[in-house]
C-alpha atoms as a PDB file:
ATOM      1  CA  MET A   1      27.656 -25.846 -21.980  1.00  0.00           C
ATOM      2  CA  GLU A   2      26.280 -28.986 -23.601  1.00  0.00           C
ATOM      3  CA  SER A   3      23.378 -29.391 -21.160  1.00  0.00           C
ATOM      4  CA  LYS A   4      22.154 -25.866 -21.919  1.00  0.00           C
ATOM      5  CA  THR A   5      19.655 -25.306 -24.699  1.00  0.00           C
ATOM      6  CA  ALA A   6      20.863 -23.191 -27.616  1.00  0.00           C
ATOM      7  CA  LEU A   7      18.791 -20.633 -29.472  1.00  0.00           C
ATOM      8  CA  TYR A   8      20.219 -20.169 -32.948  1.00  0.00           C
ATOM      9  CA  ARG A   9      19.534 -17.633 -35.686  1.00  0.00           C
ATOM     10  CA  HIS A  10      20.401 -18.101 -39.367  1.00  0.00           C
ATOM     11  CA  PHE A  11      21.046 -15.006 -41.495  1.00  0.00           C
ATOM     12  CA  ASN A  12      21.697 -14.485 -45.197  1.00  0.00           C
ATOM     13  CA  LYS A  13      24.343 -12.174 -46.743  1.00  0.00           C
ATOM     14  CA  GLU A  14      21.939  -9.191 -46.508  1.00  0.00           C
ATOM     15  CA  ASN A  15      21.718  -9.831 -42.744  1.00  0.00           C
ATOM     16  CA  GLU A  16      18.075 -10.874 -43.197  1.00  0.00           C
ATOM     17  CA  LEU A  17      16.920 -13.291 -40.508  1.00  0.00           C
ATOM     18  CA  LEU A  18      16.044 -16.569 -42.188  1.00  0.00           C
ATOM     19  CA  TYR A  19      15.261 -18.872 -39.286  1.00  0.00           C
ATOM     20  CA  VAL A  20      15.219 -19.088 -35.478  1.00  0.00           C
ATOM     21  CA  GLY A  21      15.291 -22.401 -33.637  1.00  0.00           C
ATOM     22  CA  ILE A  22      16.390 -24.181 -30.490  1.00  0.00           C
ATOM     23  CA  SER A  23      18.463 -27.303 -29.979  1.00  0.00           C
ATOM     24  CA  LEU A  24      20.732 -28.982 -27.454  1.00  0.00           C
ATOM     25  CA  ASN A  25      23.322 -29.114 -30.243  1.00  0.00           C
ATOM     26  CA  ALA A  26      22.991 -26.169 -32.626  1.00  0.00           C
ATOM     27  CA  LEU A  27      25.754 -27.353 -34.976  1.00  0.00           C
ATOM     28  CA  ASN A  28      24.153 -30.776 -35.361  1.00  0.00           C
ATOM     29  CA  ARG A  29      20.829 -29.067 -36.046  1.00  0.00           C
ATOM     30  CA  LEU A  30      22.513 -26.933 -38.718  1.00  0.00           C
ATOM     31  CA  GLY A  31      23.480 -30.165 -40.494  1.00  0.00           C
ATOM     32  CA  GLN A  32      19.848 -31.308 -40.378  1.00  0.00           C
ATOM     33  CA  HIS A  33      18.752 -28.035 -41.976  1.00  0.00           C
ATOM     34  CA  LYS A  34      21.305 -28.670 -44.740  1.00  0.00           C
ATOM     35  CA  GLU A  35      19.426 -31.842 -45.689  1.00  0.00           C
ATOM     36  CA  HIS A  36      15.859 -30.547 -45.355  1.00  0.00           C
ATOM     37  CA  ALA A  37      15.690 -26.753 -45.730  1.00  0.00           C
ATOM     38  CA  HIS A  38      15.490 -25.339 -49.241  1.00  0.00           C
ATOM     39  CA  TRP A  39      16.909 -22.062 -47.905  1.00  0.00           C
ATOM     40  CA  PHE A  40      20.060 -23.628 -46.385  1.00  0.00           C
ATOM     41  CA  SER A  41      22.365 -22.372 -49.141  1.00  0.00           C
ATOM     42  CA  ASP A  42      21.332 -18.772 -48.280  1.00  0.00           C
ATOM     43  CA  ILE A  43      22.816 -19.026 -44.753  1.00  0.00           C
ATOM     44  CA  THR A  44      25.972 -16.940 -44.352  1.00  0.00           C
ATOM     45  CA  ASP A  45      25.870 -16.249 -40.615  1.00  0.00           C
ATOM     46  CA  VAL A  46      24.769 -18.317 -37.610  1.00  0.00           C
ATOM     47  CA  ARG A  47      24.426 -16.765 -34.154  1.00  0.00           C
ATOM     48  CA  ILE A  48      24.014 -18.967 -31.082  1.00  0.00           C
ATOM     49  CA  GLU A  49      22.769 -17.992 -27.639  1.00  0.00           C
ATOM     50  CA  HIS A  50      22.614 -20.450 -24.692  1.00  0.00           C
ATOM     51  CA  PHE A  51      19.893 -20.733 -22.039  1.00  0.00           C
ATOM     52  CA  GLU A  52      19.924 -22.565 -18.714  1.00  0.00           C
ATOM     53  CA  THR A  53      16.621 -24.370 -19.382  1.00  0.00           C
ATOM     54  CA  ARG A  54      14.623 -25.544 -22.378  1.00  0.00           C
ATOM     55  CA  GLU A  55      11.645 -23.510 -21.171  1.00  0.00           C
ATOM     56  CA  LEU A  56      13.671 -20.283 -21.266  1.00  0.00           C
ATOM     57  CA  ALA A  57      14.949 -21.153 -24.742  1.00  0.00           C
ATOM     58  CA  LEU A  58      11.410 -21.904 -25.986  1.00  0.00           C
ATOM     59  CA  LYS A  59      10.187 -18.548 -24.680  1.00  0.00           C
ATOM     60  CA  ALA A  60      13.126 -16.762 -26.309  1.00  0.00           C
ATOM     61  CA  GLU A  61      12.428 -18.597 -29.584  1.00  0.00           C
ATOM     62  CA  ARG A  62       8.757 -17.566 -29.578  1.00  0.00           C
ATOM     63  CA  ASP A  63       9.676 -13.982 -28.704  1.00  0.00           C
ATOM     64  CA  ALA A  64      12.244 -13.885 -31.504  1.00  0.00           C
ATOM     65  CA  VAL A  65       9.809 -15.278 -34.071  1.00  0.00           C
ATOM     66  CA  VAL A  66       7.158 -12.742 -33.095  1.00  0.00           C
ATOM     67  CA  LYS A  67       9.430  -9.702 -32.806  1.00  0.00           C
ATOM     68  CA  GLU A  68      12.075 -10.449 -35.457  1.00  0.00           C
ATOM     69  CA  ASN A  69       9.820 -12.132 -38.054  1.00  0.00           C
ATOM     70  CA  PRO A  70      12.244 -14.661 -39.558  1.00  0.00           C
ATOM     71  CA  LYS A  71      11.487 -15.499 -43.165  1.00  0.00           C
ATOM     72  CA  HIS A  72      11.094 -19.286 -42.728  1.00  0.00           C
ATOM     73  CA  ASN A  73       9.537 -19.744 -39.247  1.00  0.00           C
ATOM     74  CA  ILE A  74       5.991 -20.181 -40.447  1.00  0.00           C
ATOM     75  CA  LYS A  75       4.715 -22.586 -37.770  1.00  0.00           C
ATOM     76  CA  LEU A  76       5.395 -20.291 -34.811  1.00  0.00           C
ATOM     77  CA  ARG A  77       3.896 -17.146 -36.313  1.00  0.00           C
ATOM     78  CA  ILE A  78       0.928 -16.036 -34.274  1.00  0.00           C
ATOM     79  CA  PRO A  79      -1.481 -13.212 -35.105  1.00  0.00           C
ATOM     80  CA  GLU A  80      -0.689 -10.000 -33.184  1.00  0.00           C
ATOM     81  CA  LYS A  81      -4.123  -9.933 -31.514  1.00  0.00           C
ATOM     82  CA  GLN A  82      -3.632 -13.457 -30.197  1.00  0.00           C
ATOM     83  CA  ILE A  83      -0.153 -12.567 -28.929  1.00  0.00           C
ATOM     84  CA  LYS A  84      -1.524  -9.631 -26.945  1.00  0.00           C
ATOM     85  CA  GLU A  85      -4.241 -11.824 -25.456  1.00  0.00           C
ATOM     86  CA  MET A  86      -1.628 -14.430 -24.530  1.00  0.00           C
ATOM     87  CA  GLU A  87       0.573 -11.779 -22.906  1.00  0.00           C
ATOM     88  CA  LYS A  88      -2.367 -10.452 -20.862  1.00  0.00           C
ATOM     89  CA  SER A  89      -3.305 -13.983 -19.821  1.00  0.00           C
ATOM     90  CA  ALA A  90       0.305 -14.781 -18.921  1.00  0.00           C
ATOM     91  CA  ALA A  91       0.617 -11.584 -16.879  1.00  0.00           C
ATOM     92  CA  ARG A  92      -2.644 -12.351 -15.086  1.00  0.00           C
ATOM     93  CA  GLN A  93      -1.537 -15.948 -14.416  1.00  0.00           C
ATOM     94  CA  SER A  94       1.836 -14.716 -13.182  1.00  0.00           C
ATOM     95  CA  ALA A  95       0.142 -12.310 -10.751  1.00  0.00           C
ATOM     96  CA  ILE A  96      -2.090 -15.113  -9.463  1.00  0.00           C
ATOM     97  CA  GLU A  97       0.897 -17.431  -9.026  1.00  0.00           C
ATOM     98  CA  HIS A  98       2.837 -14.713  -7.216  1.00  0.00           C
ATOM     99  CA  SER A  99      -0.111 -14.047  -4.920  1.00  0.00           C
ATOM    100  CA  LYS A 100      -0.479 -17.732  -4.078  1.00  0.00           C
ATOM    101  CA  LYS A 101       3.239 -18.166  -3.485  1.00  0.00           C
ATOM    102  CA  GLN A 102       3.219 -15.091  -1.291  1.00  0.00           C
ATOM    103  CA  ALA A 103       0.303 -16.525   0.715  1.00  0.00           C
ATOM    104  CA  VAL A 104       2.243 -19.732   1.232  1.00  0.00           C
ATOM    105  CA  ARG A 105       5.380 -17.802   2.237  1.00  0.00           C
ATOM    106  CA  ASN A 106       3.502 -15.487   4.576  1.00  0.00           C
ATOM    107  CA  HIS A 107       1.514 -18.153   6.324  1.00  0.00           C
ATOM    108  CA  VAL A 108       2.675 -21.704   5.876  1.00  0.00           C
ATOM    109  CA  VAL A 109       6.378 -21.166   6.427  1.00  0.00           C
ATOM    110  CA  PHE A 110       5.884 -19.738   9.897  1.00  0.00           C
ATOM    111  CA  LYS A 111       3.343 -22.118  11.413  1.00  0.00           C
ATOM    112  CA  ILE A 112       3.150 -25.832  11.942  1.00  0.00           C
ATOM    113  CA  CYS A 113      -0.634 -26.010  12.103  1.00  0.00           C
ATOM    114  CA  TYR A 114      -3.752 -23.905  11.659  1.00  0.00           C
ATOM    115  CA  SER A 115      -7.332 -23.808  12.814  1.00  0.00           C
ATOM    116  CA  ILE A 116     -10.108 -24.123  10.247  1.00  0.00           C
ATOM    117  CA  ASP A 117     -10.936 -20.436  10.795  1.00  0.00           C
ATOM    118  CA  GLU A 118      -7.325 -19.406  10.072  1.00  0.00           C
ATOM    119  CA  VAL A 119      -7.261 -21.409   6.831  1.00  0.00           C
ATOM    120  CA  ALA A 120     -10.619 -19.971   5.747  1.00  0.00           C
ATOM    121  CA  ASP A 121      -9.349 -16.421   6.366  1.00  0.00           C
ATOM    122  CA  MET A 122      -6.033 -17.066   4.654  1.00  0.00           C
ATOM    123  CA  LEU A 123      -7.605 -18.551   1.527  1.00  0.00           C
ATOM    124  CA  MET A 124     -10.508 -16.084   1.515  1.00  0.00           C
ATOM    125  CA  MET A 125     -13.038 -18.898   1.701  1.00  0.00           C
ATOM    126  CA  ARG A 126     -16.029 -19.477   3.932  1.00  0.00           C
ATOM    127  CA  LYS A 127     -15.555 -21.866   6.846  1.00  0.00           C
ATOM    128  CA  GLN A 128     -18.281 -24.075   5.332  1.00  0.00           C
ATOM    129  CA  GLU A 129     -16.262 -24.377   2.093  1.00  0.00           C
ATOM    130  CA  ILE A 130     -13.197 -25.484   4.048  1.00  0.00           C
ATOM    131  CA  GLN A 131     -15.311 -27.991   5.970  1.00  0.00           C
ATOM    132  CA  LYS A 132     -16.697 -29.369   2.686  1.00  0.00           C
ATOM    133  CA  HIS A 133     -13.134 -29.944   1.409  1.00  0.00           C
ATOM    134  CA  ILE A 134     -12.324 -31.689   4.690  1.00  0.00           C
ATOM    135  CA  ASP A 135     -15.454 -33.871   4.436  1.00  0.00           C
ATOM    136  CA  GLU A 136     -14.543 -34.789   0.835  1.00  0.00           C
ATOM    137  CA  ASN A 137     -10.934 -35.658   1.854  1.00  0.00           C
ATOM    138  CA  ARG A 138      -9.278 -32.921  -0.187  1.00  0.00           C
ATOM    139  CA  LEU A 139      -7.937 -31.295   2.974  1.00  0.00           C
ATOM    140  CA  THR A 140      -6.772 -33.441   5.860  1.00  0.00           C
ATOM    141  CA  ILE A 141      -7.057 -32.563   9.506  1.00  0.00           C
ATOM    142  CA  PHE A 142      -5.833 -33.969  12.785  1.00  0.00           C
ATOM    143  CA  HIS A 143      -7.185 -33.435  16.276  1.00  0.00           C
ATOM    144  CA  VAL A 144      -5.437 -31.860  19.222  1.00  0.00           C
ATOM    145  CA  GLU A 145      -6.572 -32.053  22.797  1.00  0.00           C
ATOM    146  CA  GLY A 146      -6.990 -28.505  24.030  1.00  0.00           C
ATOM    147  CA  LYS A 147      -7.137 -26.910  27.424  1.00  0.00           C
ATOM    148  CA  PRO A 148     -10.398 -27.220  29.318  1.00  0.00           C
ATOM    149  CA  SER A 149     -12.553 -24.143  29.053  1.00  0.00           C
ATOM    150  CA  TRP A 150     -13.651 -22.133  32.055  1.00  0.00           C
ATOM    151  CA  GLN A 151     -17.209 -23.305  31.316  1.00  0.00           C
ATOM    152  CA  TYR A 152     -16.234 -26.990  31.485  1.00  0.00           C
ATOM    153  CA  PRO A 153     -13.083 -27.179  33.617  1.00  0.00           C
ATOM    154  CA  ASP A 154     -13.119 -30.975  33.932  1.00  0.00           C
ATOM    155  CA  LYS A 155     -13.749 -31.686  30.230  1.00  0.00           C
ATOM    156  CA  SER A 156     -10.919 -31.587  27.688  1.00  0.00           C
ATOM    157  CA  ILE A 157     -11.617 -30.056  24.305  1.00  0.00           C
ATOM    158  CA  ILE A 158     -10.709 -31.749  21.001  1.00  0.00           C
ATOM    159  CA  LYS A 159      -9.758 -29.179  18.358  1.00  0.00           C
ATOM    160  CA  PRO A 160      -9.408 -29.908  14.624  1.00  0.00           C
ATOM    161  CA  ARG A 161      -6.171 -28.613  13.115  1.00  0.00           C
ATOM    162  CA  ILE A 162      -4.666 -28.484   9.622  1.00  0.00           C
ATOM    163  CA  SER A 163      -0.941 -29.063   9.277  1.00  0.00           C
ATOM    164  CA  GLY A 164       1.222 -26.674   7.265  1.00  0.00           C
ATOM    165  CA  TRP A 165       2.037 -29.522   4.847  1.00  0.00           C
ATOM    166  CA  ALA A 166      -1.643 -30.378   4.390  1.00  0.00           C
ATOM    167  CA  LEU A 167      -2.294 -26.705   3.673  1.00  0.00           C
ATOM    168  CA  ILE A 168       0.460 -26.622   1.033  1.00  0.00           C
ATOM    169  CA  ASP A 169      -1.002 -29.738  -0.619  1.00  0.00           C
ATOM    170  CA  PHE A 170      -4.459 -28.163  -0.548  1.00  0.00           C
ATOM    171  CA  ILE A 171      -3.204 -24.919  -2.120  1.00  0.00           C
ATOM    172  CA  GLU A 172      -1.546 -26.978  -4.865  1.00  0.00           C
ATOM    173  CA  TYR A 173      -4.849 -28.836  -5.385  1.00  0.00           C
ATOM    174  CA  LEU A 174      -6.660 -25.491  -5.735  1.00  0.00           C
ATOM    175  CA  GLN A 175      -4.053 -24.298  -8.248  1.00  0.00           C
ATOM    176  CA  GLN A 176      -4.474 -27.443 -10.368  1.00  0.00           C
ATOM    177  CA  LYS A 177      -8.234 -27.065 -10.213  1.00  0.00           C
ATOM    178  CA  GLU A 178      -7.932 -23.538 -11.699  1.00  0.00           C
ATOM    179  CA  ILE A 179      -5.837 -24.742 -14.653  1.00  0.00           C
END
């Protein structure tokens, strides 16, 4: 339990929410509030909820501050309009992330290597854009000797290929570029 992050709520005798916070040790944090919070003597009830990660606890804290409006959480209060914009942006970002992850699952997991045309189609980019990334060393390729064509039966063909791992790295590069 100690490695989980706690979300705590402080209430007064009227069951009014005074403060919401997070901590690895909620009881220790309560002692800190005793020394620094002018409203500490109003606390009559403390409720603690544990989360697996700090990120989940932070999100729960922000949600609680916005929805429950604790009396003394001034720093985390955000105007309603800004909250709605943030929620839209988060939903949009989540959809983009899901789409990218799905593309990786659908394509990269099942193949060891790809042609430049396959990568261009998969990422909805022009072949020239892919080639530019290759030329600028953002996407690595290797060459495979292919079967001779019927037009040139005695000449082997060298084909550029992109490994599944190189494709994953490139998708991650594109994601970072968007941020």
